[in-house]
Protein backbone atom coordinates (compact mmCIF):
# COMPACT_ATOMS: atom_id res chain seq x y z
CA MET A 1 10.74 -27.00 30.65
CA THR A 2 13.29 -24.33 29.95
CA PRO A 3 12.13 -21.93 26.91
CA ALA A 4 13.59 -22.54 23.63
CA ARG A 5 15.92 -19.77 22.32
CA GLY A 6 14.76 -18.38 18.94
CA GLY A 7 12.43 -20.85 18.43
CA ARG A 8 14.93 -23.69 18.85
CA PRO A 9 14.56 -26.03 22.40
CA ALA A 10 17.09 -25.46 25.00
CA ALA A 11 20.46 -27.62 25.57
CA SER A 12 18.76 -29.16 28.32
CA VAL A 13 15.37 -30.48 26.56
CA ARG A 14 17.01 -31.61 23.24
CA LEU A 15 19.28 -33.53 25.24
CA ASP A 16 15.95 -34.73 27.14
CA ALA A 17 15.04 -35.94 24.01
CA THR A 18 17.81 -37.78 22.48
CA LEU A 19 17.62 -39.85 26.08
CA ALA A 20 14.02 -40.70 26.20
CA LEU A 21 15.03 -42.96 23.12
CA VAL A 22 16.95 -45.51 25.25
CA GLU A 23 15.12 -44.78 28.47
CA PRO A 24 13.24 -48.07 28.05
CA ALA A 25 16.16 -50.34 28.35
CA LEU A 26 17.50 -49.09 31.43
CA ARG A 27 14.30 -48.71 32.77
CA ALA A 28 13.41 -52.53 31.91
CA ALA A 29 16.90 -53.65 32.97
CA THR A 30 16.22 -51.63 36.37
CA ALA A 31 13.25 -53.55 37.21
CA ARG A 32 14.89 -56.96 37.20
CA LEU A 33 17.21 -55.02 39.27
CA TRP A 34 14.70 -54.98 42.00
CA HIS A 35 12.71 -58.16 41.06
CA PRO A 36 12.41 -59.76 44.94
CA ASP A 37 13.03 -63.50 44.32
CA GLY A 38 17.10 -63.07 45.82
CA LEU A 39 16.85 -59.21 46.07
CA THR A 40 19.09 -58.98 48.75
CA GLY A 41 21.99 -60.55 47.65
CA ARG A 42 21.28 -58.55 44.65
CA TYR A 43 20.93 -55.51 46.54
CA ARG A 44 24.58 -56.45 48.20
CA ALA A 45 25.77 -56.68 45.02
CA TYR A 46 24.39 -53.56 43.79
CA LEU A 47 25.94 -51.52 46.77
CA ALA A 48 29.38 -53.07 45.63
CA ALA A 49 29.16 -51.76 42.37
CA MET A 50 27.78 -48.83 43.15
CA HIS A 51 31.08 -47.35 45.55
CA MET A 52 32.92 -48.91 42.71
CA VAL A 53 31.46 -46.08 40.50
CA ILE A 54 30.93 -43.60 42.97
CA ARG A 55 34.47 -43.63 44.29
CA ALA A 56 35.34 -42.30 40.84
CA SER A 57 32.81 -39.12 40.94
CA VAL A 58 35.08 -36.43 43.22
CA PRO A 59 38.41 -37.49 40.98
CA LEU A 60 36.05 -36.94 37.86
CA MET A 61 35.16 -33.75 38.52
CA GLU A 62 38.37 -32.77 40.07
CA ARG A 63 40.23 -33.27 36.89
CA ALA A 64 37.49 -31.69 34.87
CA ALA A 65 37.83 -28.51 37.13
CA VAL A 66 41.44 -28.50 36.29
CA ARG A 67 40.88 -28.56 32.30
CA ALA A 68 38.10 -26.44 32.59
CA ARG A 69 40.19 -23.60 34.46
CA ARG A 70 43.15 -24.62 31.70
CA LEU A 71 40.69 -23.28 29.22
CA GLU A 72 39.44 -20.55 30.67
CA ARG A 73 43.13 -19.22 30.80
CA SER A 74 43.22 -19.94 27.15
CA GLY A 75 40.09 -17.92 26.23
CA ASP A 76 37.38 -20.68 26.35
CA PRO A 77 34.05 -19.48 27.22
CA LEU A 78 32.87 -22.59 29.25
CA GLY A 79 35.55 -22.78 31.44
CA ARG A 80 34.54 -20.23 34.16
CA PRO A 81 31.03 -21.29 34.72
CA LEU A 82 32.15 -25.20 33.67
CA ALA A 83 34.52 -24.80 36.94
CA ALA A 84 32.70 -23.05 39.04
CA HIS A 85 29.89 -25.80 39.02
CA LEU A 86 31.91 -28.34 39.57
CA ALA A 87 33.67 -27.29 42.35
CA ALA A 88 30.09 -26.58 44.15
CA HIS A 89 29.23 -29.76 43.12
CA ILE A 90 32.20 -31.36 44.44
CA GLU A 91 31.72 -30.37 47.84
CA GLU A 92 27.95 -31.60 47.48
CA GLU A 93 29.26 -35.33 46.55
CA ARG A 94 32.28 -35.57 48.83
CA ASP A 95 32.55 -38.64 51.04
CA HIS A 96 29.28 -40.39 49.43
CA ASP A 97 31.58 -43.08 48.69
CA ALA A 98 31.69 -43.80 52.65
CA TRP A 99 28.28 -43.98 53.02
CA LEU A 100 27.92 -46.81 50.30
CA LEU A 101 30.43 -48.46 52.48
CA ASP A 102 28.32 -48.31 56.06
CA ASP A 103 25.85 -49.67 54.03
CA LEU A 104 27.29 -52.48 52.77
CA VAL A 105 28.40 -53.07 56.43
CA ALA A 106 24.71 -53.20 57.61
CA ALA A 107 23.68 -55.36 54.76
CA GLY A 108 25.77 -58.07 56.04
CA SER A 109 28.96 -57.60 53.57
CA GLY A 110 32.24 -56.12 54.64
CA PRO A 111 33.91 -53.32 52.88
CA ASP A 112 36.01 -56.18 50.62
CA ALA A 113 33.20 -56.48 48.82
CA ALA A 114 33.49 -53.46 47.41
CA LEU A 115 37.44 -52.08 47.90
CA GLY A 116 38.82 -55.78 47.64
CA ALA A 117 37.34 -57.10 44.17
CA VAL A 118 38.75 -55.81 40.55
CA PRO A 119 35.78 -53.86 39.14
CA PRO A 120 34.52 -55.34 36.43
CA PRO A 121 34.80 -54.28 32.90
CA ASP A 122 30.79 -52.42 32.90
CA VAL A 123 32.26 -50.07 35.52
CA ALA A 124 35.48 -49.37 33.80
CA ALA A 125 33.57 -48.43 30.81
CA LEU A 126 30.81 -46.30 32.32
CA THR A 127 33.22 -44.15 34.33
CA GLY A 128 36.73 -44.62 32.28
CA ALA A 129 35.47 -43.02 29.24
CA GLN A 130 34.82 -39.93 30.95
CA TYR A 131 38.63 -39.53 32.03
CA TYR A 132 39.43 -40.13 27.81
CA TRP A 133 36.61 -37.33 27.10
CA ILE A 134 38.10 -34.99 29.78
CA GLU A 135 41.15 -35.20 29.08
CA HIS A 136 41.53 -35.67 25.45
CA HIS A 137 38.37 -33.96 24.33
CA HIS A 138 36.62 -31.45 26.54
CA PRO A 139 35.46 -31.71 29.76
CA VAL A 140 31.82 -30.09 29.23
CA ALA A 141 31.29 -33.89 28.20
CA LEU A 142 31.21 -34.98 31.53
CA LEU A 143 27.75 -33.32 32.06
CA GLY A 144 26.33 -35.91 29.94
CA TYR A 145 27.58 -38.34 32.60
CA VAL A 146 26.10 -36.32 35.34
CA THR A 147 22.62 -35.96 34.01
CA VAL A 148 21.93 -39.35 33.30
CA LEU A 149 23.08 -40.36 36.83
CA GLU A 150 21.12 -37.30 38.74
CA GLY A 151 18.62 -37.58 36.46
CA HIS A 152 17.89 -41.32 36.98
CA ALA A 153 18.04 -40.90 41.31
CA PRO A 154 15.56 -43.85 42.97
CA ALA A 155 12.16 -42.95 43.52
CA ALA A 156 10.63 -42.18 46.51
CA GLY A 157 9.40 -45.24 48.69
CA LEU A 158 12.60 -47.33 46.90
CA ALA A 159 14.03 -47.51 49.84
CA ASP A 160 10.97 -48.67 52.39
CA ARG A 161 10.20 -51.15 49.24
CA LEU A 162 13.47 -52.44 49.45
CA ALA A 163 13.81 -52.63 53.16
CA ARG A 164 10.49 -54.50 53.54
CA LEU A 165 11.02 -57.25 50.49
CA THR A 166 14.80 -57.67 52.00
CA GLY A 167 14.37 -57.39 55.94
CA LEU A 168 17.70 -55.94 55.56
CA PRO A 169 17.81 -53.12 58.42
CA ASP A 170 17.28 -48.96 57.67
CA ALA A 171 20.87 -48.42 57.88
CA ALA A 172 21.26 -50.51 54.65
CA PHE A 173 19.47 -47.92 52.70
CA ARG A 174 21.11 -44.79 53.45
CA THR A 175 22.58 -43.86 50.05
CA VAL A 176 19.16 -44.66 48.07
CA ARG A 177 17.21 -42.51 50.79
CA ALA A 178 20.00 -39.39 50.43
CA HIS A 179 19.52 -39.93 46.99
CA ALA A 180 16.12 -39.56 46.18
CA GLN A 181 15.99 -36.45 48.27
CA LEU A 182 19.27 -34.85 46.83
CA ASP A 183 19.09 -35.64 43.18
CA GLY A 184 15.99 -33.46 42.29
CA GLY A 185 17.90 -29.84 43.12
CA HIS A 186 21.23 -30.89 41.47
CA VAL A 187 19.07 -32.12 38.16
CA ALA A 188 17.79 -28.43 38.19
CA GLY A 189 21.07 -26.92 38.46
CA LEU A 190 22.46 -29.25 35.80
CA ARG A 191 19.83 -28.09 33.25
CA ALA A 192 20.09 -24.38 34.21
CA LEU A 193 23.97 -24.48 33.73
CA LEU A 194 23.36 -26.61 30.13
CA ASP A 195 20.80 -23.59 29.07
CA ALA A 196 23.03 -20.86 30.30
CA LEU A 197 26.56 -22.43 28.58
CA PRO A 198 27.21 -20.96 25.33
CA LEU A 199 27.92 -24.46 23.54
CA THR A 200 28.57 -25.13 20.24
CA ARG A 201 26.83 -27.81 18.18
CA ALA A 202 30.05 -29.95 18.71
CA GLN A 203 30.53 -28.99 22.53
CA GLU A 204 26.44 -30.10 22.64
CA ALA A 205 26.97 -33.29 20.82
CA ALA A 206 29.98 -34.36 23.10
CA VAL A 207 27.41 -33.49 26.17
CA ALA A 208 24.83 -36.29 24.50
CA VAL A 209 27.65 -38.60 23.31
CA SER A 210 28.37 -38.93 27.05
CA ALA A 211 24.81 -39.29 28.23
CA LEU A 212 24.28 -41.81 25.46
CA HIS A 213 27.41 -43.15 26.41
CA THR A 214 26.69 -43.34 30.38
CA MET A 215 23.18 -44.31 29.49
CA ASP A 216 24.43 -47.69 27.89
CA ALA A 217 26.89 -48.67 30.26
CA LEU A 218 24.85 -48.23 33.16
CA THR A 219 22.45 -50.40 31.55
CA GLN A 220 24.34 -53.13 30.55
CA LEU A 221 25.71 -53.23 34.80
CA PHE A 222 22.16 -53.32 35.72
CA VAL A 223 21.47 -55.78 33.34
CA ARG A 224 24.28 -57.81 34.95
CA LEU A 225 23.86 -57.39 38.70
CA GLY A 226 19.74 -58.56 37.59
CA ARG A 227 21.16 -61.52 35.76
CA GLY A 228 19.16 -64.28 37.27
CA ALA A 229 16.09 -62.85 38.14
CA PRO A 230 12.72 -63.24 36.68
CA ALA A 231 11.47 -60.85 34.45
CA PRO A 232 8.92 -58.77 36.27
CA GLY A 233 5.53 -58.26 34.61
CA PRO A 234 3.79 -54.96 33.43
CA GLY A 235 3.85 -52.49 35.80
CA ARG A 236 6.09 -54.39 38.16
CA GLY A 237 9.18 -51.89 37.85
CA ALA A 238 10.07 -50.88 41.72
CA GLY A 239 11.42 -46.95 40.76
CA ARG A 240 14.44 -45.52 39.11
CA PRO A 241 18.03 -46.78 39.58
CA VAL A 242 20.10 -45.17 41.92
CA PRO A 243 23.31 -43.20 40.37
CA THR A 244 26.36 -43.76 41.97
CA GLY A 245 28.71 -40.84 42.20
CA GLY A 246 27.87 -42.91 41.04
CA ARG A 247 27.26 -40.83 41.03
CA ALA A 248 28.54 -37.80 40.00
């Protein structure tokens, strides 16, 4: 936990406390998504939806970096550190959408399942709000989106459980496995950035609003994907959701 400054909890701690209020709904939606009954078809639909989300990750960060550099030139103290963080994270996330297309093929679906379909409103709501806040408010809002997606990486062992339940080949779970390993480090770096930035109260509020919107939109996406699955009993959740860009 990052220490408080002057007796006030650090920004990352305050954001954690805010998100804890809506975490149960996301966990319930994820548990239903991973219910064993009919899981193979839902997993294929999940991969397609996650590709739609993740393919927006690098373009979102690129646009936010452009805006941050512009703000730096106008004297905004967030501009330089935000642009630097985004530039590094862009390279870490590049081509992850291609991983998901490979996973789809290995799972028995063609890439058209992700590329040929019209992205549904819940996907557009999840990612599209970030474009608005980047362009018409402040690119720091994107850190709320990234915090939620990186902070809800798949649990260790989820890929093995899904492979066992679905009978799909290991190659269908590359992205799940990779993000279970990668995202912990990303979250630590993001928390350090949030605590180091000289955020005003309004800017911190923008990050929190973005994060809460992301939690709600991601929950709605998983509710749709899990529709028709029996509700899991107590303690039967299969781990945390995989962020996409989506992850970012």
